[in-house]
Amino acid sequence: MIDEKIKEKIVLALDVETFEQAKELVDELSPYVGTFKVGLQLYTGFGNEIIDYIKSKNSNFFLDVKLMDIPNTVKKASENIVLRGANFYNVHALGGLEMMKQSKEGACAAAQKLGKKPPLILAVTVLTSISQEVLDDELKVNAEVKGLAINLAKLAKQAGLDGVVASVHELRAIKEACGEDFKVLCPGIRPLWSLKDDQKRIATPAQALKDGADYLVIGRAVTSAPDRVEAMKKIYEEMGVI
């Protein structure tokens, strides 16, 4: 029996090549997934088609397009995202305070016109593919990854956003800095039996839950598995909730 409270925390990344592959994942895994994440790969190919399909299945979707532009452009884009019916979307915290405020303002105005609740708006702090070495040697950012993530989370809270996208390794510090009600969605989630890939700062589902993650993004460990339903069940078993 699937724990519905845990299911709400599971976000599956639909990072696949075709619309048909995405449809199959939605059909197969809806019983185990609270929200399907539509990222840049899928959105630039089949954005509105897959969004409409997810909605037709009464499932939630997270539009993971990481908005970052001048404030007015982000505001207008946020309005359009709400009109598309997203349950979540995100912006880059590095876009600054005013940009994040405008995103929130646009989303709330659009939701009010529709007579619906605004989606959760999350700010990306530091991508999980960015290591301390990348900050130091490539980007020349004079900051520690954890400290930068915390500062950006504080800025997102100041802007009125609902939470952030951040590694499990910064999770507890962000909760301490911004409060337990401030949502943290954690990518880089890998079950014990899954291989590491291009993400540097990863954690197991059990560790993420223990540390207080509000949402867990799971991707290739499931989507590339020979038996995807079995892989999803194994993740629930690893978390001790099935």
Protein backbone atom coordinates (compact mmCIF):
# COMPACT_ATOMS: atom_id res chain seq x y z
CA MET A 1 0.00 0.00 0.00
CA ILE A 2 1.44 3.38 -1.05
CA ASP A 3 1.68 6.05 1.63
CA GLU A 4 -0.23 8.99 0.12
CA LYS A 5 1.69 11.56 2.18
CA ILE A 6 4.95 10.21 0.80
CA LYS A 7 3.50 10.03 -2.72
CA GLU A 8 2.80 13.78 -2.57
CA LYS A 9 6.51 14.34 -2.03
CA ILE A 10 7.61 12.36 -5.10
CA VAL A 11 8.39 14.40 -8.21
CA LEU A 12 9.32 12.38 -11.29
CA ALA A 13 11.51 14.07 -13.91
CA LEU A 14 10.18 13.42 -17.41
CA ASP A 15 13.60 13.93 -19.00
CA VAL A 16 12.96 11.77 -22.06
CA GLU A 17 13.32 12.11 -25.83
CA THR A 18 9.78 11.68 -27.11
CA PHE A 19 6.18 12.50 -26.31
CA GLU A 20 5.32 8.80 -26.39
CA GLN A 21 7.97 8.00 -23.77
CA ALA A 22 6.61 10.73 -21.53
CA LYS A 23 3.05 9.46 -21.92
CA GLU A 24 4.14 5.94 -21.00
CA LEU A 25 5.79 7.20 -17.83
CA VAL A 26 2.69 9.16 -16.81
CA ASP A 27 0.46 6.15 -17.50
CA GLU A 28 2.69 3.67 -15.66
CA LEU A 29 3.75 5.72 -12.67
CA SER A 30 0.79 7.93 -11.76
CA PRO A 31 -0.04 5.62 -8.80
CA TYR A 32 3.42 6.27 -7.33
CA VAL A 33 4.10 9.90 -8.26
CA GLY A 34 2.65 13.09 -6.80
CA THR A 35 3.94 15.47 -9.48
CA PHE A 36 5.49 15.07 -12.92
CA LYS A 37 8.33 17.45 -13.73
CA VAL A 38 8.42 18.87 -17.24
CA GLY A 39 11.90 20.25 -17.83
CA LEU A 40 13.55 22.10 -20.67
CA GLN A 41 14.30 18.97 -22.70
CA LEU A 42 10.66 17.90 -22.91
CA TYR A 43 9.11 21.36 -22.85
CA THR A 44 11.07 22.64 -25.83
CA GLY A 45 9.97 19.60 -27.81
CA PHE A 46 6.43 18.82 -26.70
CA GLY A 47 5.59 21.36 -24.00
CA ASN A 48 1.89 22.00 -24.34
CA GLU A 49 1.10 18.48 -25.56
CA ILE A 50 2.61 16.77 -22.53
CA ILE A 51 1.18 19.36 -20.15
CA ASP A 52 -2.31 18.76 -21.51
CA TYR A 53 -1.78 15.00 -21.27
CA ILE A 54 -0.67 15.17 -17.63
CA LYS A 55 -3.66 17.35 -16.79
CA SER A 56 -5.99 14.92 -18.59
CA LYS A 57 -4.80 12.27 -16.13
CA ASN A 58 -5.61 14.55 -13.17
CA SER A 59 -1.93 14.60 -12.19
CA ASN A 60 0.10 17.58 -11.00
CA PHE A 61 2.90 19.05 -13.08
CA PHE A 62 5.96 21.09 -12.22
CA LEU A 63 7.18 23.35 -15.02
CA ASP A 64 10.93 23.30 -14.49
CA VAL A 65 12.08 26.09 -16.81
CA LYS A 66 14.14 28.10 -14.29
CA LEU A 67 13.05 31.58 -15.35
CA MET A 68 15.81 34.19 -15.34
CA ASP A 69 15.42 37.45 -17.24
CA ILE A 70 14.56 41.07 -16.62
CA PRO A 71 11.76 41.40 -14.02
CA ASN A 72 8.95 42.37 -16.40
CA THR A 73 9.68 39.50 -18.78
CA VAL A 74 9.68 37.02 -15.90
CA LYS A 75 6.42 38.50 -14.60
CA LYS A 76 4.70 37.97 -17.96
CA ALA A 77 6.13 34.47 -18.32
CA SER A 78 4.89 33.63 -14.82
CA GLU A 79 1.39 34.76 -15.77
CA ASN A 80 1.47 32.43 -18.78
CA ILE A 81 2.68 29.51 -16.66
CA VAL A 82 -0.29 29.96 -14.33
CA LEU A 83 -2.63 30.05 -17.32
CA ARG A 84 -1.15 26.72 -18.45
CA GLY A 85 -2.20 25.25 -15.10
CA ALA A 86 1.15 24.50 -13.47
CA ASN A 87 1.10 23.31 -9.86
CA PHE A 88 4.76 24.30 -9.42
CA TYR A 89 7.28 26.33 -11.38
CA ASN A 90 10.69 27.78 -10.66
CA VAL A 91 12.92 30.79 -11.19
CA HIS A 92 16.64 31.35 -10.67
CA ALA A 93 17.36 33.10 -7.38
CA LEU A 94 20.42 34.60 -9.06
CA GLY A 95 17.97 36.73 -11.06
CA GLY A 96 17.68 38.89 -7.98
CA LEU A 97 15.08 40.11 -5.51
CA GLU A 98 13.03 42.29 -7.86
CA MET A 99 12.79 39.59 -10.51
CA MET A 100 11.49 37.09 -7.95
CA LYS A 101 9.00 39.61 -6.57
CA GLN A 102 7.67 40.28 -10.07
CA SER A 103 7.29 36.56 -10.71
CA LYS A 104 5.21 36.20 -7.56
CA GLU A 105 3.13 39.25 -8.44
CA GLY A 106 2.41 38.02 -11.95
CA ALA A 107 1.51 34.52 -10.79
CA CYS A 108 -0.83 35.74 -8.07
CA ALA A 109 -2.58 38.18 -10.40
CA ALA A 110 -3.14 35.49 -13.03
CA ALA A 111 -4.40 33.01 -10.43
CA GLN A 112 -6.80 35.60 -9.03
CA LYS A 113 -8.27 36.18 -12.49
CA LEU A 114 -8.84 32.44 -12.82
CA GLY A 115 -10.26 32.18 -9.32
CA LYS A 116 -7.72 29.56 -8.32
CA LYS A 117 -4.87 29.10 -5.88
CA PRO A 118 -1.45 30.24 -7.17
CA PRO A 119 1.11 27.53 -7.88
CA LEU A 120 4.09 26.96 -5.63
CA ILE A 121 6.96 29.13 -6.82
CA LEU A 122 10.42 27.83 -6.04
CA ALA A 123 13.79 29.48 -6.54
CA VAL A 124 16.79 27.54 -7.79
CA THR A 125 19.75 28.21 -5.50
CA VAL A 126 22.83 26.32 -6.73
CA LEU A 127 22.44 23.63 -9.37
CA THR A 128 23.34 20.16 -8.09
CA SER A 129 25.79 19.84 -11.00
CA ILE A 130 27.81 22.74 -9.54
CA SER A 131 30.56 21.62 -7.17
CA GLN A 132 32.82 23.78 -5.01
CA GLU A 133 35.53 23.30 -7.64
CA VAL A 134 33.26 24.71 -10.34
CA LEU A 135 32.45 27.75 -8.19
CA ASP A 136 36.12 28.32 -7.45
CA ASP A 137 37.86 27.45 -10.70
CA GLU A 138 35.32 28.14 -13.43
CA LEU A 139 32.84 30.71 -12.15
CA LYS A 140 35.28 32.51 -9.84
CA VAL A 141 32.57 32.95 -7.21
CA ASN A 142 34.09 33.76 -3.86
CA ALA A 143 31.68 31.72 -1.74
CA GLU A 144 31.13 28.24 -0.39
CA VAL A 145 28.35 26.28 -2.07
CA LYS A 146 26.39 25.87 1.17
CA GLY A 147 26.70 29.52 2.17
CA LEU A 148 25.66 30.71 -1.27
CA ALA A 149 22.63 28.41 -1.29
CA ILE A 150 21.52 29.67 2.13
CA ASN A 151 21.89 33.33 1.14
CA LEU A 152 19.90 32.77 -2.05
CA ALA A 153 17.20 30.94 -0.09
CA LYS A 154 16.89 33.90 2.28
CA LEU A 155 16.52 36.20 -0.72
CA ALA A 156 13.78 33.98 -2.17
CA LYS A 157 11.90 34.10 1.12
CA GLN A 158 12.25 37.88 1.22
CA ALA A 159 10.72 37.98 -2.26
CA GLY A 160 7.70 36.03 -1.01
CA LEU A 161 8.39 32.77 -2.82
CA ASP A 162 7.24 29.47 -1.35
CA GLY A 163 10.58 27.73 -1.23
CA VAL A 164 13.67 26.70 -3.10
CA VAL A 165 15.23 23.95 -5.16
CA ALA A 166 18.35 22.90 -3.27
CA SER A 167 20.57 19.93 -2.56
CA VAL A 168 19.90 17.75 0.47
CA HIS A 169 23.32 18.88 1.68
CA GLU A 170 21.97 22.41 2.21
CA LEU A 171 18.49 21.32 3.30
CA ARG A 172 18.78 21.54 7.08
CA ALA A 173 20.68 24.82 6.99
CA ILE A 174 18.03 26.35 4.72
CA LYS A 175 15.23 25.18 7.00
CA GLU A 176 17.05 26.67 9.99
CA ALA A 177 17.57 29.96 8.18
CA CYS A 178 14.13 30.27 6.56
CA GLY A 179 11.78 28.22 8.76
CA GLU A 180 10.30 24.74 8.58
CA ASP A 181 7.35 25.98 6.49
CA PHE A 182 9.68 27.19 3.74
CA LYS A 183 9.54 24.43 1.13
CA VAL A 184 12.66 22.67 -0.12
CA LEU A 185 12.53 20.53 -3.24
CA CYS A 186 15.61 18.33 -3.52
CA PRO A 187 16.99 17.09 -6.84
CA GLY A 188 19.96 14.75 -6.97
CA ILE A 189 18.03 11.94 -5.27
CA ARG A 190 19.57 8.53 -5.94
CA PRO A 191 18.48 5.24 -4.35
CA LEU A 192 21.26 3.10 -2.91
CA TRP A 193 21.24 0.79 -5.92
CA SER A 194 21.44 3.58 -8.52
CA LEU A 195 24.61 4.83 -10.20
CA LYS A 196 25.82 8.41 -9.83
CA ASP A 197 25.84 10.52 -12.99
CA ASP A 198 26.44 14.21 -13.73
CA GLN A 199 25.13 15.50 -10.42
CA LYS A 200 27.73 16.00 -7.72
CA ARG A 201 25.74 16.66 -4.54
CA ILE A 202 23.35 13.70 -4.25
CA ALA A 203 21.51 11.82 -1.50
CA THR A 204 19.30 8.77 -1.02
CA PRO A 205 15.51 9.11 -0.72
CA ALA A 206 15.64 7.90 2.89
CA GLN A 207 18.26 10.49 3.81
CA ALA A 208 16.28 13.27 2.14
CA LEU A 209 13.11 12.34 4.01
CA LYS A 210 14.98 12.10 7.31
CA ASP A 211 16.45 15.56 6.78
CA GLY A 212 13.02 17.06 6.14
CA ALA A 213 12.78 17.44 2.35
CA ASP A 214 9.33 18.54 1.22
CA TYR A 215 9.73 17.14 -2.30
CA LEU A 216 12.15 14.63 -3.85
CA VAL A 217 13.02 14.73 -7.54
CA ILE A 218 13.65 11.27 -8.93
CA GLY A 219 14.70 10.74 -12.53
CA ARG A 220 16.94 8.32 -14.36
CA ALA A 221 17.01 5.77 -11.53
CA VAL A 222 13.39 5.09 -12.49
CA THR A 223 12.97 6.34 -16.05
CA SER A 224 15.96 4.33 -17.33
CA ALA A 225 15.16 1.18 -15.35
CA PRO A 226 14.20 -2.01 -17.23
CA ASP A 227 11.10 -2.27 -15.03
CA ARG A 228 10.06 1.23 -14.01
CA VAL A 229 7.20 0.21 -11.74
CA GLU A 230 9.49 -2.19 -9.89
CA ALA A 231 12.13 0.54 -9.56
CA MET A 232 9.53 2.87 -8.06
CA LYS A 233 8.41 0.19 -5.62
CA LYS A 234 12.04 -0.40 -4.58
CA ILE A 235 12.38 3.30 -3.79
CA TYR A 236 9.32 3.18 -1.55
CA GLU A 237 10.72 0.05 0.12
CA GLU A 238 14.06 1.77 0.67
CA MET A 239 12.23 4.64 2.36
CA GLY A 240 10.45 2.10 4.58
CA VAL A 241 6.96 3.21 3.56
CA ILE A 242 5.63 0.22 1.62
